[in-house]
């Protein structure tokens, strides 16, 4: 009955109001933003863990086949669970002991999780691994220093992710001037009531296969269509 009444009301509202309400529904319900704000967790509408990145960047990542990729993550949380469900191996480091203990029990076997409270050891942690990483994520403390320290640890076919890149212009400039291709994805993200920017920095030989038969796929809240 309620849906029937709402449907009737929407039919008599001016177009700009119905479109605005529809967009609110997409963000709040389909992306799961309302639920994430209520629970104060980075989750989607089905309670699956997602990174605290912008929604456009998460949509892009989901289109990639990462099953054979390795990830190094400065900072940890629901993003670690998200990457672990998609990648062959994740190395995540954390400098907050309380948060480390909260997350540790939730992680699967393909995650190597390290508590490193010393600043210098945290920044240089990536150098204890002989192999290069396909994806390096800078989303913790000391972002400029971590960015500078990890530049030579990226696979020639991989990419960096710098979250909140709009708050860290020096780190962004460093990545960009190292020869990587910068792609900024601004938009809303889980929990928050404002927009921010998650940026990708792609190597010139970046090589990632699509996860689906078509790319791009229809996004959350889109109008499915095929014009060709």
C-alpha atoms as a PDB file:
ATOM      1  CA  UNK A   1       0.000   0.000   0.000  1.00  0.00           C
ATOM      2  CA  UNK A   2       2.792   2.407   0.918  1.00  0.00           C
ATOM      3  CA  UNK A   3       4.606   1.699  -2.359  1.00  0.00           C
ATOM      4  CA  UNK A   4       1.344   2.317  -4.233  1.00  0.00           C
ATOM      5  CA  UNK A   5       0.857   5.691  -2.531  1.00  0.00           C
ATOM      6  CA  UNK A   6       4.465   6.723  -3.138  1.00  0.00           C
ATOM      7  CA  UNK A   7       4.131   5.689  -6.768  1.00  0.00           C
ATOM      8  CA  UNK A   8       1.056   7.907  -7.154  1.00  0.00           C
ATOM      9  CA  UNK A   9       2.836  10.851  -5.523  1.00  0.00           C
ATOM     10  CA  UNK A  10       5.873  10.465  -7.771  1.00  0.00           C
ATOM     11  CA  UNK A  11       3.666  10.587 -10.857  1.00  0.00           C
ATOM     12  CA  UNK A  12       2.372  14.063  -9.984  1.00  0.00           C
ATOM     13  CA  UNK A  13       5.701  15.562  -8.892  1.00  0.00           C
ATOM     14  CA  UNK A  14       7.673  17.703 -11.358  1.00  0.00           C
ATOM     15  CA  UNK A  15      10.416  15.818 -13.223  1.00  0.00           C
ATOM     16  CA  UNK A  16      13.300  17.416 -11.330  1.00  0.00           C
ATOM     17  CA  UNK A  17      11.896  16.172  -8.015  1.00  0.00           C
ATOM     18  CA  UNK A  18      11.338  12.606  -9.195  1.00  0.00           C
ATOM     19  CA  UNK A  19      14.855  12.442 -10.656  1.00  0.00           C
ATOM     20  CA  UNK A  20      16.362  13.796  -7.449  1.00  0.00           C
ATOM     21  CA  UNK A  21      14.464  11.247  -5.369  1.00  0.00           C
ATOM     22  CA  UNK A  22      15.495   8.462  -7.739  1.00  0.00           C
ATOM     23  CA  UNK A  23      19.150   9.446  -7.412  1.00  0.00           C
ATOM     24  CA  UNK A  24      18.789   9.545  -3.646  1.00  0.00           C
ATOM     25  CA  UNK A  25      17.402   6.001  -3.781  1.00  0.00           C
ATOM     26  CA  UNK A  26      20.327   4.822  -5.900  1.00  0.00           C
ATOM     27  CA  UNK A  27      22.949   6.260  -3.570  1.00  0.00           C
ATOM     28  CA  UNK A  28      21.191   5.435  -0.316  1.00  0.00           C
ATOM     29  CA  UNK A  29      19.841   1.976  -1.133  1.00  0.00           C
ATOM     30  CA  UNK A  30      21.575   0.531  -4.199  1.00  0.00           C
ATOM     31  CA  UNK A  31      25.084   1.622  -3.243  1.00  0.00           C
ATOM     32  CA  UNK A  32      24.282   0.930   0.411  1.00  0.00           C
ATOM     33  CA  UNK A  33      25.305   4.389   1.608  1.00  0.00           C
ATOM     34  CA  UNK A  34      22.506   4.661   4.169  1.00  0.00           C
ATOM     35  CA  UNK A  35      23.414   1.307   5.692  1.00  0.00           C
ATOM     36  CA  UNK A  36      27.129   2.153   5.771  1.00  0.00           C
ATOM     37  CA  UNK A  37      26.438   5.452   7.547  1.00  0.00           C
ATOM     38  CA  UNK A  38      24.073   3.799  10.030  1.00  0.00           C
ATOM     39  CA  UNK A  39      26.558   1.044  10.883  1.00  0.00           C
ATOM     40  CA  UNK A  40      29.638   3.279  10.473  1.00  0.00           C
ATOM     41  CA  UNK A  41      31.242   0.630   8.291  1.00  0.00           C
ATOM     42  CA  UNK A  42      32.475   0.538   4.713  1.00  0.00           C
ATOM     43  CA  UNK A  43      29.959  -1.995   3.396  1.00  0.00           C
ATOM     44  CA  UNK A  44      27.646  -2.365   0.407  1.00  0.00           C
ATOM     45  CA  UNK A  45      23.886  -2.901   0.501  1.00  0.00           C
ATOM     46  CA  UNK A  46      24.381  -6.624   1.181  1.00  0.00           C
ATOM     47  CA  UNK A  47      26.788  -6.001   4.094  1.00  0.00           C
ATOM     48  CA  UNK A  48      29.832  -7.046   2.057  1.00  0.00           C
ATOM     49  CA  UNK A  49      33.032  -5.237   3.055  1.00  0.00           C
ATOM     50  CA  UNK A  50      34.237  -2.616   0.587  1.00  0.00           C
ATOM     51  CA  UNK A  51      37.059  -0.082   0.698  1.00  0.00           C
ATOM     52  CA  UNK A  52      36.466   3.412   2.020  1.00  0.00           C
ATOM     53  CA  UNK A  53      37.181   4.666  -1.522  1.00  0.00           C
ATOM     54  CA  UNK A  54      34.872   6.609  -3.800  1.00  0.00           C
ATOM     55  CA  UNK A  55      32.085   4.572  -5.342  1.00  0.00           C
ATOM     56  CA  UNK A  56      33.312   5.173  -8.925  1.00  0.00           C
ATOM     57  CA  UNK A  57      36.719   3.731  -8.031  1.00  0.00           C
ATOM     58  CA  UNK A  58      35.145   0.658  -6.423  1.00  0.00           C
ATOM     59  CA  UNK A  59      32.995   0.136  -9.522  1.00  0.00           C
ATOM     60  CA  UNK A  60      36.129   0.256 -11.669  1.00  0.00           C
ATOM     61  CA  UNK A  61      38.064  -2.216  -9.518  1.00  0.00           C
ATOM     62  CA  UNK A  62      35.181  -4.690  -9.636  1.00  0.00           C
ATOM     63  CA  UNK A  63      35.486  -4.800 -13.421  1.00  0.00           C
ATOM     64  CA  UNK A  64      39.037  -6.173 -13.290  1.00  0.00           C
ATOM     65  CA  UNK A  65      40.142  -9.794 -13.079  1.00  0.00           C
ATOM     66  CA  UNK A  66      42.593  -9.693 -10.172  1.00  0.00           C
ATOM     67  CA  UNK A  67      42.722 -13.412  -9.441  1.00  0.00           C
ATOM     68  CA  UNK A  68      46.464 -13.674 -10.127  1.00  0.00           C
ATOM     69  CA  UNK A  69      47.463 -10.266  -8.708  1.00  0.00           C
ATOM     70  CA  UNK A  70      49.377  -9.321  -5.568  1.00  0.00           C
ATOM     71  CA  UNK A  71      48.582  -6.290  -3.421  1.00  0.00           C
ATOM     72  CA  UNK A  72      50.530  -4.285  -0.870  1.00  0.00           C
ATOM     73  CA  UNK A  73      48.372  -2.086   1.331  1.00  0.00           C
ATOM     74  CA  UNK A  74      49.477   0.698   3.651  1.00  0.00           C
ATOM     75  CA  UNK A  75      46.577   0.799   6.076  1.00  0.00           C
ATOM     76  CA  UNK A  76      43.953  -1.899   6.588  1.00  0.00           C
ATOM     77  CA  UNK A  77      40.304  -2.591   7.254  1.00  0.00           C
ATOM     78  CA  UNK A  78      37.344  -3.629   5.156  1.00  0.00           C
ATOM     79  CA  UNK A  79      39.455  -2.796   2.131  1.00  0.00           C
ATOM     80  CA  UNK A  80      41.791  -5.646   3.078  1.00  0.00           C
ATOM     81  CA  UNK A  81      38.876  -8.080   3.082  1.00  0.00           C
ATOM     82  CA  UNK A  82      37.683  -6.675  -0.240  1.00  0.00           C
ATOM     83  CA  UNK A  83      41.093  -7.126  -1.898  1.00  0.00           C
ATOM     84  CA  UNK A  84      41.576 -10.577  -0.371  1.00  0.00           C
ATOM     85  CA  UNK A  85      38.340 -11.786  -1.978  1.00  0.00           C
ATOM     86  CA  UNK A  86      39.638 -10.760  -5.400  1.00  0.00           C
ATOM     87  CA  UNK A  87      43.421 -11.166  -5.418  1.00  0.00           C
ATOM     88  CA  UNK A  88      45.910 -13.991  -5.085  1.00  0.00           C
ATOM     89  CA  UNK A  89      47.767 -12.412  -2.169  1.00  0.00           C
ATOM     90  CA  UNK A  90      47.484  -9.309   0.001  1.00  0.00           C
ATOM     91  CA  UNK A  91      50.124  -7.875   2.296  1.00  0.00           C
ATOM     92  CA  UNK A  92      48.644  -5.259   4.636  1.00  0.00           C
ATOM     93  CA  UNK A  93      50.420  -3.302   7.341  1.00  0.00           C
ATOM     94  CA  UNK A  94      48.864  -1.484  10.251  1.00  0.00           C
ATOM     95  CA  UNK A  95      50.342   0.790  12.922  1.00  0.00           C
ATOM     96  CA  UNK A  96      47.321   0.972  15.228  1.00  0.00           C
ATOM     97  CA  UNK A  97      47.400  -2.012  17.586  1.00  0.00           C
ATOM     98  CA  UNK A  98      43.752  -1.759  18.628  1.00  0.00           C
ATOM     99  CA  UNK A  99      42.574  -1.673  15.012  1.00  0.00           C
ATOM    100  CA  UNK A 100      44.987  -4.465  14.094  1.00  0.00           C
ATOM    101  CA  UNK A 101      43.466  -6.724  16.757  1.00  0.00           C
ATOM    102  CA  UNK A 102      39.962  -5.865  15.546  1.00  0.00           C
ATOM    103  CA  UNK A 103      40.705  -6.812  11.947  1.00  0.00           C
ATOM    104  CA  UNK A 104      43.105  -9.730  12.381  1.00  0.00           C
ATOM    105  CA  UNK A 105      40.568 -12.448  13.216  1.00  0.00           C
ATOM    106  CA  UNK A 106      38.462 -11.638  10.135  1.00  0.00           C
ATOM    107  CA  UNK A 107      41.186 -12.123   7.537  1.00  0.00           C
ATOM    108  CA  UNK A 108      41.483 -15.143   5.225  1.00  0.00           C
ATOM    109  CA  UNK A 109      44.612 -17.201   4.588  1.00  0.00           C
ATOM    110  CA  UNK A 110      45.806 -15.226   1.560  1.00  0.00           C
ATOM    111  CA  UNK A 111      46.450 -12.119   3.688  1.00  0.00           C
ATOM    112  CA  UNK A 112      49.763 -11.453   5.398  1.00  0.00           C
ATOM    113  CA  UNK A 113      48.918  -8.933   8.099  1.00  0.00           C
ATOM    114  CA  UNK A 114      51.641  -7.050   9.937  1.00  0.00           C
ATOM    115  CA  UNK A 115      51.498  -4.765  12.959  1.00  0.00           C
ATOM    116  CA  UNK A 116      54.311  -2.206  12.626  1.00  0.00           C
ATOM    117  CA  UNK A 117      54.090   0.627  15.133  1.00  0.00           C
ATOM    118  CA  UNK A 118      57.488   2.214  14.455  1.00  0.00           C
ATOM    119  CA  UNK A 119      57.187   4.969  11.832  1.00  0.00           C
ATOM    120  CA  UNK A 120      60.367   4.235   9.885  1.00  0.00           C
ATOM    121  CA  UNK A 121      59.767   0.488   9.837  1.00  0.00           C
ATOM    122  CA  UNK A 122      56.198   1.096   8.683  1.00  0.00           C
ATOM    123  CA  UNK A 123      57.316   3.295   5.786  1.00  0.00           C
ATOM    124  CA  UNK A 124      59.993   0.850   4.639  1.00  0.00           C
ATOM    125  CA  UNK A 125      58.028  -2.358   5.240  1.00  0.00           C
ATOM    126  CA  UNK A 126      57.461  -3.011   1.550  1.00  0.00           C
ATOM    127  CA  UNK A 127      61.216  -3.456   1.003  1.00  0.00           C
ATOM    128  CA  UNK A 128      61.332  -6.703   2.946  1.00  0.00           C
ATOM    129  CA  UNK A 129      59.671  -8.413  -0.045  1.00  0.00           C
ATOM    130  CA  UNK A 130      61.795  -9.446  -3.003  1.00  0.00           C
ATOM    131  CA  UNK A 131      58.901  -9.576  -5.466  1.00  0.00           C
ATOM    132  CA  UNK A 132      57.256  -6.521  -6.949  1.00  0.00           C
ATOM    133  CA  UNK A 133      53.553  -5.879  -6.365  1.00  0.00           C
ATOM    134  CA  UNK A 134      50.848  -5.521  -9.001  1.00  0.00           C
ATOM    135  CA  UNK A 135      48.875  -3.042  -6.909  1.00  0.00           C
ATOM    136  CA  UNK A 136      50.208  -0.739  -4.193  1.00  0.00           C
ATOM    137  CA  UNK A 137      47.667   1.113  -2.065  1.00  0.00           C
ATOM    138  CA  UNK A 138      48.605   4.128   0.031  1.00  0.00           C
ATOM    139  CA  UNK A 139      45.738   4.580   2.476  1.00  0.00           C
ATOM    140  CA  UNK A 140      47.316   4.790   5.914  1.00  0.00           C
ATOM    141  CA  UNK A 141      49.557   7.191   7.792  1.00  0.00           C
ATOM    142  CA  UNK A 142      52.652   8.989   6.425  1.00  0.00           C
ATOM    143  CA  UNK A 143      51.291   8.920   2.882  1.00  0.00           C
ATOM    144  CA  UNK A 144      53.977  10.991   1.213  1.00  0.00           C
ATOM    145  CA  UNK A 145      56.799   9.009   2.820  1.00  0.00           C
ATOM    146  CA  UNK A 146      55.103   5.690   2.017  1.00  0.00           C
ATOM    147  CA  UNK A 147      54.576   6.781  -1.573  1.00  0.00           C
ATOM    148  CA  UNK A 148      58.218   7.776  -1.982  1.00  0.00           C
ATOM    149  CA  UNK A 149      59.420   4.564  -0.358  1.00  0.00           C
ATOM    150  CA  UNK A 150      57.331   2.266  -2.539  1.00  0.00           C
ATOM    151  CA  UNK A 151      57.786   3.793  -6.006  1.00  0.00           C
ATOM    152  CA  UNK A 152      60.360   1.180  -7.050  1.00  0.00           C
ATOM    153  CA  UNK A 153      58.286  -1.737  -5.725  1.00  0.00           C
ATOM    154  CA  UNK A 154      55.537  -1.548  -8.350  1.00  0.00           C
ATOM    155  CA  UNK A 155      55.336  -4.116 -11.117  1.00  0.00           C
ATOM    156  CA  UNK A 156      55.959  -2.632 -14.604  1.00  0.00           C
ATOM    157  CA  UNK A 157      52.380  -3.602 -15.489  1.00  0.00           C
ATOM    158  CA  UNK A 158      50.685  -2.496 -12.257  1.00  0.00           C
ATOM    159  CA  UNK A 159      49.203   0.578 -10.628  1.00  0.00           C
ATOM    160  CA  UNK A 160      49.109   2.635  -7.429  1.00  0.00           C
ATOM    161  CA  UNK A 161      45.999   3.738  -5.577  1.00  0.00           C
ATOM    162  CA  UNK A 162      46.167   6.883  -3.437  1.00  0.00           C
ATOM    163  CA  UNK A 163      42.989   7.378  -1.446  1.00  0.00           C
ATOM    164  CA  UNK A 164      41.909  10.898  -0.511  1.00  0.00           C
ATOM    165  CA  UNK A 165      44.274  12.114  -3.200  1.00  0.00           C
ATOM    166  CA  UNK A 166      42.629  15.544  -3.093  1.00  0.00           C
ATOM    167  CA  UNK A 167      43.909  15.845   0.474  1.00  0.00           C
ATOM    168  CA  UNK A 168      47.424  14.723  -0.472  1.00  0.00           C
ATOM    169  CA  UNK A 169      48.525  16.817  -3.484  1.00  0.00           C
ATOM    170  CA  UNK A 170      52.249  16.328  -2.801  1.00  0.00           C
ATOM    171  CA  UNK A 171      51.894  12.534  -2.857  1.00  0.00           C
ATOM    172  CA  UNK A 172      49.808  12.779  -6.002  1.00  0.00           C
ATOM    173  CA  UNK A 173      52.392  14.993  -7.702  1.00  0.00           C
ATOM    174  CA  UNK A 174      55.172  12.579  -6.773  1.00  0.00           C
ATOM    175  CA  UNK A 175      53.335   9.650  -8.364  1.00  0.00           C
ATOM    176  CA  UNK A 176      52.387  11.643 -11.440  1.00  0.00           C
ATOM    177  CA  UNK A 177      55.899  12.981 -12.004  1.00  0.00           C
ATOM    178  CA  UNK A 178      57.361   9.493 -11.671  1.00  0.00           C
ATOM    179  CA  UNK A 179      55.843   8.757 -15.090  1.00  0.00           C
ATOM    180  CA  UNK A 180      52.622   7.079 -13.998  1.00  0.00           C
ATOM    181  CA  UNK A 181      49.300   7.978 -15.635  1.00  0.00           C
ATOM    182  CA  UNK A 182      46.956   9.646 -13.148  1.00  0.00           C
ATOM    183  CA  UNK A 183      43.213   8.945 -13.223  1.00  0.00           C
ATOM    184  CA  UNK A 184      41.153  10.732 -10.568  1.00  0.00           C
ATOM    185  CA  UNK A 185      37.815   9.278  -9.493  1.00  0.00           C
ATOM    186  CA  UNK A 186      35.883  11.807  -7.442  1.00  0.00           C
ATOM    187  CA  UNK A 187      32.549  11.069  -5.857  1.00  0.00           C
ATOM    188  CA  UNK A 188      30.705   9.952  -2.762  1.00  0.00           C
ATOM    189  CA  UNK A 189      32.083   7.145  -0.636  1.00  0.00           C
ATOM    190  CA  UNK A 190      30.719   4.955   2.168  1.00  0.00           C
ATOM    191  CA  UNK A 191      29.749   6.537   5.500  1.00  0.00           C
ATOM    192  CA  UNK A 192      30.620  10.159   4.691  1.00  0.00           C
ATOM    193  CA  UNK A 193      28.306  12.980   3.668  1.00  0.00           C
ATOM    194  CA  UNK A 194      30.784  14.642   1.304  1.00  0.00           C
ATOM    195  CA  UNK A 195      32.733  13.738  -1.807  1.00  0.00           C
ATOM    196  CA  UNK A 196      36.424  12.955  -2.027  1.00  0.00           C
ATOM    197  CA  UNK A 197      38.860  11.560  -4.613  1.00  0.00           C
ATOM    198  CA  UNK A 198      40.446   8.143  -5.008  1.00  0.00           C
ATOM    199  CA  UNK A 199      43.202   8.280  -7.632  1.00  0.00           C
ATOM    200  CA  UNK A 200      44.815   5.568  -9.740  1.00  0.00           C
ATOM    201  CA  UNK A 201      48.361   5.888 -11.089  1.00  0.00           C
ATOM    202  CA  UNK A 202      48.896   3.450 -13.931  1.00  0.00           C
ATOM    203  CA  UNK A 203      52.192   2.236 -15.301  1.00  0.00           C
ATOM    204  CA  UNK A 204      52.658   2.806 -19.034  1.00  0.00           C
ATOM    205  CA  UNK A 205      52.435  -0.943 -19.646  1.00  0.00           C
ATOM    206  CA  UNK A 206      49.504  -1.582 -17.323  1.00  0.00           C
ATOM    207  CA  UNK A 207      47.943  -4.976 -18.084  1.00  0.00           C
ATOM    208  CA  UNK A 208      44.741  -6.081 -16.350  1.00  0.00           C
ATOM    209  CA  UNK A 209      42.146  -8.356 -17.902  1.00  0.00           C
ATOM    210  CA  UNK A 210      38.447  -7.550 -17.628  1.00  0.00           C
ATOM    211  CA  UNK A 211      36.464  -9.730 -15.235  1.00  0.00           C
ATOM    212  CA  UNK A 212      33.434  -9.890 -17.513  1.00  0.00           C
ATOM    213  CA  UNK A 213      32.603 -10.525 -21.156  1.00  0.00           C
ATOM    214  CA  UNK A 214      31.896  -6.834 -21.625  1.00  0.00           C
ATOM    215  CA  UNK A 215      33.600  -3.778 -20.226  1.00  0.00           C
ATOM    216  CA  UNK A 216      32.392  -1.453 -18.948  1.00  0.00           C
ATOM    217  CA  UNK A 217      29.566  -3.336 -17.294  1.00  0.00           C
ATOM    218  CA  UNK A 218      26.357  -1.578 -16.344  1.00  0.00           C
ATOM    219  CA  UNK A 219      27.009   0.279 -13.115  1.00  0.00           C
ATOM    220  CA  UNK A 220      24.933   0.307  -9.964  1.00  0.00           C
ATOM    221  CA  UNK A 221      21.790   2.322 -10.562  1.00  0.00           C
ATOM    222  CA  UNK A 222      22.349   2.525 -14.322  1.00  0.00           C
ATOM    223  CA  UNK A 223      19.798   2.146 -17.100  1.00  0.00           C
ATOM    224  CA  UNK A 224      20.831  -1.098 -18.872  1.00  0.00           C
ATOM    225  CA  UNK A 225      21.041  -0.607 -22.609  1.00  0.00           C
ATOM    226  CA  UNK A 226      23.021  -1.870 -25.568  1.00  0.00           C
ATOM    227  CA  UNK A 227      23.486   0.535 -28.449  1.00  0.00           C
ATOM    228  CA  UNK A 228      25.875  -1.684 -30.408  1.00  0.00           C
END
